């Protein structure tokens, strides 16, 4: 599997982003593409033992900061690490995109670049949590503050497909968690 990582995403980029990428490449054997300012990312990579690891750096000249308006940033910063990485995903160059950056910008980039699945009104953030009986996927994680019942149904459908495809769970159980 080849994964693109936004090397400029975290608050202290690129140090933790690169460190996590090197760890994933070493521990999980994942091929990594780090997207960001090539000089800065390459300099950070020299601080790590990358011998035998499949790590590539792709240049992106712009960075989207945490305080920027997501849609505006994606439309105006086409050479940002988020936009470049999302284009790589769209083109099939990688299997996944990971960012610790501006969540709204990542969601906007995914929607504008990849589009929506037929019948899905809005995207959802997800996180997998380990549990003694198996993994649990939590979807939407509060990204949508006012969900309609139809959106909740769509989140359940997306979560079911994810658990079937990623974790080979034939009939995942779906529930609603609310506070």
C-alpha atoms as a PDB file:
ATOM      1  CA  UNK A   1       0.000   0.000   0.000  1.00  0.00           C
ATOM      2  CA  UNK A   2       1.225   3.488  -0.855  1.00  0.00           C
ATOM      3  CA  UNK A   3       0.088   6.299   1.452  1.00  0.00           C
ATOM      4  CA  UNK A   4       0.541  10.046   1.056  1.00  0.00           C
ATOM      5  CA  UNK A   5       1.170  12.006   4.248  1.00  0.00           C
ATOM      6  CA  UNK A   6       0.757  15.760   4.511  1.00  0.00           C
ATOM      7  CA  UNK A   7       4.186  16.587   5.934  1.00  0.00           C
ATOM      8  CA  UNK A   8       3.097  20.171   6.618  1.00  0.00           C
ATOM      9  CA  UNK A   9      -0.104  19.328   8.474  1.00  0.00           C
ATOM     10  CA  UNK A  10       0.726  19.333  12.163  1.00  0.00           C
ATOM     11  CA  UNK A  11       1.332  22.369  14.337  1.00  0.00           C
ATOM     12  CA  UNK A  12       5.039  21.494  14.554  1.00  0.00           C
ATOM     13  CA  UNK A  13       5.470  20.365  10.947  1.00  0.00           C
ATOM     14  CA  UNK A  14       7.322  18.563   9.564  1.00  0.00           C
ATOM     15  CA  UNK A  15       8.986  16.897  12.585  1.00  0.00           C
ATOM     16  CA  UNK A  16       6.096  14.783  13.951  1.00  0.00           C
ATOM     17  CA  UNK A  17       4.683  14.147  10.476  1.00  0.00           C
ATOM     18  CA  UNK A  18       7.995  12.781   9.198  1.00  0.00           C
ATOM     19  CA  UNK A  19       8.647  10.839  12.398  1.00  0.00           C
ATOM     20  CA  UNK A  20       5.247   9.135  12.106  1.00  0.00           C
ATOM     21  CA  UNK A  21       5.822   8.405   8.416  1.00  0.00           C
ATOM     22  CA  UNK A  22       9.197   6.771   9.109  1.00  0.00           C
ATOM     23  CA  UNK A  23       7.622   4.711  11.898  1.00  0.00           C
ATOM     24  CA  UNK A  24       4.768   3.557   9.607  1.00  0.00           C
ATOM     25  CA  UNK A  25       7.189   2.652   6.835  1.00  0.00           C
ATOM     26  CA  UNK A  26       9.375   0.671   9.253  1.00  0.00           C
ATOM     27  CA  UNK A  27       6.701  -1.001  11.410  1.00  0.00           C
ATOM     28  CA  UNK A  28       3.978  -1.612   8.829  1.00  0.00           C
ATOM     29  CA  UNK A  29       5.999  -1.833   5.624  1.00  0.00           C
ATOM     30  CA  UNK A  30       3.904   0.915   4.065  1.00  0.00           C
ATOM     31  CA  UNK A  31       5.261   2.883   1.103  1.00  0.00           C
ATOM     32  CA  UNK A  32       5.129   6.548   2.082  1.00  0.00           C
ATOM     33  CA  UNK A  33       4.903   9.720   0.012  1.00  0.00           C
ATOM     34  CA  UNK A  34       5.584  12.828   2.088  1.00  0.00           C
ATOM     35  CA  UNK A  35       4.064  15.960   0.544  1.00  0.00           C
ATOM     36  CA  UNK A  36       5.352  19.374   1.548  1.00  0.00           C
ATOM     37  CA  UNK A  37       8.214  21.807   1.086  1.00  0.00           C
ATOM     38  CA  UNK A  38      10.817  19.461  -0.396  1.00  0.00           C
ATOM     39  CA  UNK A  39      13.847  21.146   1.191  1.00  0.00           C
ATOM     40  CA  UNK A  40      12.309  21.266   4.666  1.00  0.00           C
ATOM     41  CA  UNK A  41      10.975  17.706   4.524  1.00  0.00           C
ATOM     42  CA  UNK A  42      14.220  16.287   3.121  1.00  0.00           C
ATOM     43  CA  UNK A  43      16.194  18.022   5.881  1.00  0.00           C
ATOM     44  CA  UNK A  44      13.928  16.460   8.517  1.00  0.00           C
ATOM     45  CA  UNK A  45      14.277  13.020   6.896  1.00  0.00           C
ATOM     46  CA  UNK A  46      18.065  13.167   7.353  1.00  0.00           C
ATOM     47  CA  UNK A  47      17.477  13.041  11.126  1.00  0.00           C
ATOM     48  CA  UNK A  48      16.033   9.511  10.785  1.00  0.00           C
ATOM     49  CA  UNK A  49      17.359   6.120   9.742  1.00  0.00           C
ATOM     50  CA  UNK A  50      15.458   5.542   6.498  1.00  0.00           C
ATOM     51  CA  UNK A  51      17.696   2.826   5.092  1.00  0.00           C
ATOM     52  CA  UNK A  52      15.644   0.248   3.201  1.00  0.00           C
ATOM     53  CA  UNK A  53      12.412   2.203   3.668  1.00  0.00           C
ATOM     54  CA  UNK A  54      10.160   3.152   0.761  1.00  0.00           C
ATOM     55  CA  UNK A  55       9.806   6.910   1.382  1.00  0.00           C
ATOM     56  CA  UNK A  56       9.450   9.536  -1.337  1.00  0.00           C
ATOM     57  CA  UNK A  57       9.115  13.319  -1.073  1.00  0.00           C
ATOM     58  CA  UNK A  58       6.803  15.282  -3.394  1.00  0.00           C
ATOM     59  CA  UNK A  59       7.096  19.061  -3.411  1.00  0.00           C
ATOM     60  CA  UNK A  60       4.187  21.310  -2.461  1.00  0.00           C
ATOM     61  CA  UNK A  61       5.019  25.008  -2.267  1.00  0.00           C
ATOM     62  CA  UNK A  62       2.113  26.133  -0.081  1.00  0.00           C
ATOM     63  CA  UNK A  63       0.776  25.348   3.389  1.00  0.00           C
ATOM     64  CA  UNK A  64      -2.780  25.727   4.667  1.00  0.00           C
ATOM     65  CA  UNK A  65      -2.731  26.984   8.241  1.00  0.00           C
ATOM     66  CA  UNK A  66      -5.170  25.879  10.918  1.00  0.00           C
ATOM     67  CA  UNK A  67      -6.971  29.232  11.052  1.00  0.00           C
ATOM     68  CA  UNK A  68      -7.677  29.523   7.338  1.00  0.00           C
ATOM     69  CA  UNK A  69     -11.165  29.210   5.906  1.00  0.00           C
ATOM     70  CA  UNK A  70     -11.249  25.680   4.441  1.00  0.00           C
ATOM     71  CA  UNK A  71     -12.962  26.131   1.064  1.00  0.00           C
ATOM     72  CA  UNK A  72     -11.208  29.425   0.340  1.00  0.00           C
ATOM     73  CA  UNK A  73      -7.812  27.926   1.235  1.00  0.00           C
ATOM     74  CA  UNK A  74      -8.309  24.896  -1.009  1.00  0.00           C
ATOM     75  CA  UNK A  75      -9.459  27.014  -3.939  1.00  0.00           C
ATOM     76  CA  UNK A  76      -6.669  29.596  -3.552  1.00  0.00           C
ATOM     77  CA  UNK A  77      -3.797  27.310  -2.544  1.00  0.00           C
ATOM     78  CA  UNK A  78      -3.767  24.694  -5.311  1.00  0.00           C
ATOM     79  CA  UNK A  79      -0.103  23.959  -4.534  1.00  0.00           C
ATOM     80  CA  UNK A  80      -0.699  23.282  -0.838  1.00  0.00           C
ATOM     81  CA  UNK A  81       0.344  19.956   0.648  1.00  0.00           C
ATOM     82  CA  UNK A  82      -3.327  19.082   1.185  1.00  0.00           C
ATOM     83  CA  UNK A  83      -4.350  19.878  -2.403  1.00  0.00           C
ATOM     84  CA  UNK A  84      -1.331  18.127  -3.950  1.00  0.00           C
ATOM     85  CA  UNK A  85      -1.830  15.034  -1.791  1.00  0.00           C
ATOM     86  CA  UNK A  86      -5.541  14.869  -2.554  1.00  0.00           C
ATOM     87  CA  UNK A  87      -4.810  15.103  -6.294  1.00  0.00           C
ATOM     88  CA  UNK A  88      -2.431  12.153  -5.942  1.00  0.00           C
ATOM     89  CA  UNK A  89      -5.249  10.181  -4.330  1.00  0.00           C
ATOM     90  CA  UNK A  90      -7.684  11.178  -7.085  1.00  0.00           C
ATOM     91  CA  UNK A  91      -5.201  10.109  -9.773  1.00  0.00           C
ATOM     92  CA  UNK A  92      -4.700   6.708  -8.161  1.00  0.00           C
ATOM     93  CA  UNK A  93      -1.043   7.353  -7.342  1.00  0.00           C
ATOM     94  CA  UNK A  94      -1.692   6.432  -3.690  1.00  0.00           C
ATOM     95  CA  UNK A  95      -4.265   4.404  -1.782  1.00  0.00           C
ATOM     96  CA  UNK A  96      -4.828   6.823   1.102  1.00  0.00           C
ATOM     97  CA  UNK A  97      -4.234  10.405   2.260  1.00  0.00           C
ATOM     98  CA  UNK A  98      -3.337  11.272   5.862  1.00  0.00           C
ATOM     99  CA  UNK A  99      -3.116  14.748   7.395  1.00  0.00           C
ATOM    100  CA  UNK A 100      -2.907  16.211  10.866  1.00  0.00           C
ATOM    101  CA  UNK A 101      -3.723  19.581   9.326  1.00  0.00           C
ATOM    102  CA  UNK A 102      -6.751  21.810   8.983  1.00  0.00           C
ATOM    103  CA  UNK A 103      -9.596  19.281   9.169  1.00  0.00           C
ATOM    104  CA  UNK A 104     -12.051  21.528   7.368  1.00  0.00           C
ATOM    105  CA  UNK A 105      -9.573  22.006   4.519  1.00  0.00           C
ATOM    106  CA  UNK A 106      -9.018  18.245   4.247  1.00  0.00           C
ATOM    107  CA  UNK A 107     -12.778  17.650   4.125  1.00  0.00           C
ATOM    108  CA  UNK A 108     -13.228  20.461   1.573  1.00  0.00           C
ATOM    109  CA  UNK A 109     -10.362  19.119  -0.548  1.00  0.00           C
ATOM    110  CA  UNK A 110     -11.811  15.610  -0.445  1.00  0.00           C
ATOM    111  CA  UNK A 111     -15.249  16.844  -1.460  1.00  0.00           C
ATOM    112  CA  UNK A 112     -14.029  19.229  -4.185  1.00  0.00           C
ATOM    113  CA  UNK A 113     -11.320  16.928  -5.567  1.00  0.00           C
ATOM    114  CA  UNK A 114     -12.799  13.466  -5.164  1.00  0.00           C
ATOM    115  CA  UNK A 115     -16.481  14.347  -5.192  1.00  0.00           C
ATOM    116  CA  UNK A 116     -19.214  12.568  -3.277  1.00  0.00           C
ATOM    117  CA  UNK A 117     -20.429   9.019  -3.602  1.00  0.00           C
ATOM    118  CA  UNK A 118     -23.813   8.743  -5.254  1.00  0.00           C
ATOM    119  CA  UNK A 119     -26.514   9.144  -2.618  1.00  0.00           C
ATOM    120  CA  UNK A 120     -24.165  10.579   0.038  1.00  0.00           C
ATOM    121  CA  UNK A 121     -25.021  14.141   1.016  1.00  0.00           C
ATOM    122  CA  UNK A 122     -22.013  14.960   3.204  1.00  0.00           C
ATOM    123  CA  UNK A 123     -18.712  13.392   4.232  1.00  0.00           C
ATOM    124  CA  UNK A 124     -17.992  12.166   7.745  1.00  0.00           C
ATOM    125  CA  UNK A 125     -14.844  12.032   9.840  1.00  0.00           C
ATOM    126  CA  UNK A 126     -14.060   8.630  11.254  1.00  0.00           C
ATOM    127  CA  UNK A 127     -11.739   7.068  13.798  1.00  0.00           C
ATOM    128  CA  UNK A 128     -11.152   3.421  14.594  1.00  0.00           C
ATOM    129  CA  UNK A 129     -10.773   2.461  18.248  1.00  0.00           C
ATOM    130  CA  UNK A 130      -9.453  -0.891  19.465  1.00  0.00           C
ATOM    131  CA  UNK A 131     -11.876  -2.833  21.641  1.00  0.00           C
ATOM    132  CA  UNK A 132     -11.574  -6.295  23.232  1.00  0.00           C
ATOM    133  CA  UNK A 133     -14.218  -7.715  20.884  1.00  0.00           C
ATOM    134  CA  UNK A 134     -12.785  -6.036  17.784  1.00  0.00           C
ATOM    135  CA  UNK A 135     -12.369  -2.596  16.231  1.00  0.00           C
ATOM    136  CA  UNK A 136     -15.027   0.079  16.572  1.00  0.00           C
ATOM    137  CA  UNK A 137     -15.455   2.780  13.927  1.00  0.00           C
ATOM    138  CA  UNK A 138     -16.906   6.054  15.133  1.00  0.00           C
ATOM    139  CA  UNK A 139     -18.302   8.316  12.420  1.00  0.00           C
ATOM    140  CA  UNK A 140     -18.809  11.703  12.338  1.00  0.00           C
ATOM    141  CA  UNK A 141     -16.941  12.661  15.500  1.00  0.00           C
ATOM    142  CA  UNK A 142     -18.784  15.966  15.776  1.00  0.00           C
ATOM    143  CA  UNK A 143     -17.773  17.428  12.415  1.00  0.00           C
ATOM    144  CA  UNK A 144     -21.420  17.992  11.546  1.00  0.00           C
ATOM    145  CA  UNK A 145     -23.094  19.739  14.441  1.00  0.00           C
ATOM    146  CA  UNK A 146     -26.661  19.429  13.167  1.00  0.00           C
ATOM    147  CA  UNK A 147     -27.263  16.102  11.433  1.00  0.00           C
ATOM    148  CA  UNK A 148     -30.509  15.173   9.760  1.00  0.00           C
ATOM    149  CA  UNK A 149     -31.746  11.599  10.172  1.00  0.00           C
ATOM    150  CA  UNK A 150     -30.921  10.941   6.507  1.00  0.00           C
ATOM    151  CA  UNK A 151     -27.277  11.942   7.150  1.00  0.00           C
ATOM    152  CA  UNK A 152     -27.091   9.596  10.139  1.00  0.00           C
ATOM    153  CA  UNK A 153     -28.426   6.794   7.943  1.00  0.00           C
ATOM    154  CA  UNK A 154     -25.793   7.575   5.308  1.00  0.00           C
ATOM    155  CA  UNK A 155     -23.033   7.587   7.943  1.00  0.00           C
ATOM    156  CA  UNK A 156     -24.228   4.155   9.054  1.00  0.00           C
ATOM    157  CA  UNK A 157     -24.108   2.873   5.476  1.00  0.00           C
ATOM    158  CA  UNK A 158     -20.612   4.280   4.917  1.00  0.00           C
ATOM    159  CA  UNK A 159     -19.399   2.828   8.211  1.00  0.00           C
ATOM    160  CA  UNK A 160     -20.843  -0.577   7.360  1.00  0.00           C
ATOM    161  CA  UNK A 161     -19.031  -0.655   4.017  1.00  0.00           C
ATOM    162  CA  UNK A 162     -15.788   0.485   5.642  1.00  0.00           C
ATOM    163  CA  UNK A 163     -15.892  -2.219   8.317  1.00  0.00           C
ATOM    164  CA  UNK A 164     -16.741  -4.876   5.720  1.00  0.00           C
ATOM    165  CA  UNK A 165     -13.958  -3.869   3.330  1.00  0.00           C
ATOM    166  CA  UNK A 166     -11.202  -2.918   5.770  1.00  0.00           C
ATOM    167  CA  UNK A 167     -11.793  -5.310   8.673  1.00  0.00           C
ATOM    168  CA  UNK A 168     -13.653  -8.120   6.861  1.00  0.00           C
ATOM    169  CA  UNK A 169     -16.585  -7.935   9.272  1.00  0.00           C
ATOM    170  CA  UNK A 170     -19.454  -9.463   7.308  1.00  0.00           C
ATOM    171  CA  UNK A 171     -22.347  -7.868   9.241  1.00  0.00           C
ATOM    172  CA  UNK A 172     -21.105  -4.945  11.338  1.00  0.00           C
ATOM    173  CA  UNK A 173     -23.413  -3.706  14.070  1.00  0.00           C
ATOM    174  CA  UNK A 174     -24.437  -0.042  13.721  1.00  0.00           C
ATOM    175  CA  UNK A 175     -25.454   2.133  16.644  1.00  0.00           C
ATOM    176  CA  UNK A 176     -26.093   5.754  17.473  1.00  0.00           C
ATOM    177  CA  UNK A 177     -24.065   7.490  20.151  1.00  0.00           C
ATOM    178  CA  UNK A 178     -25.328  10.849  21.324  1.00  0.00           C
ATOM    179  CA  UNK A 179     -24.552  13.141  24.206  1.00  0.00           C
END
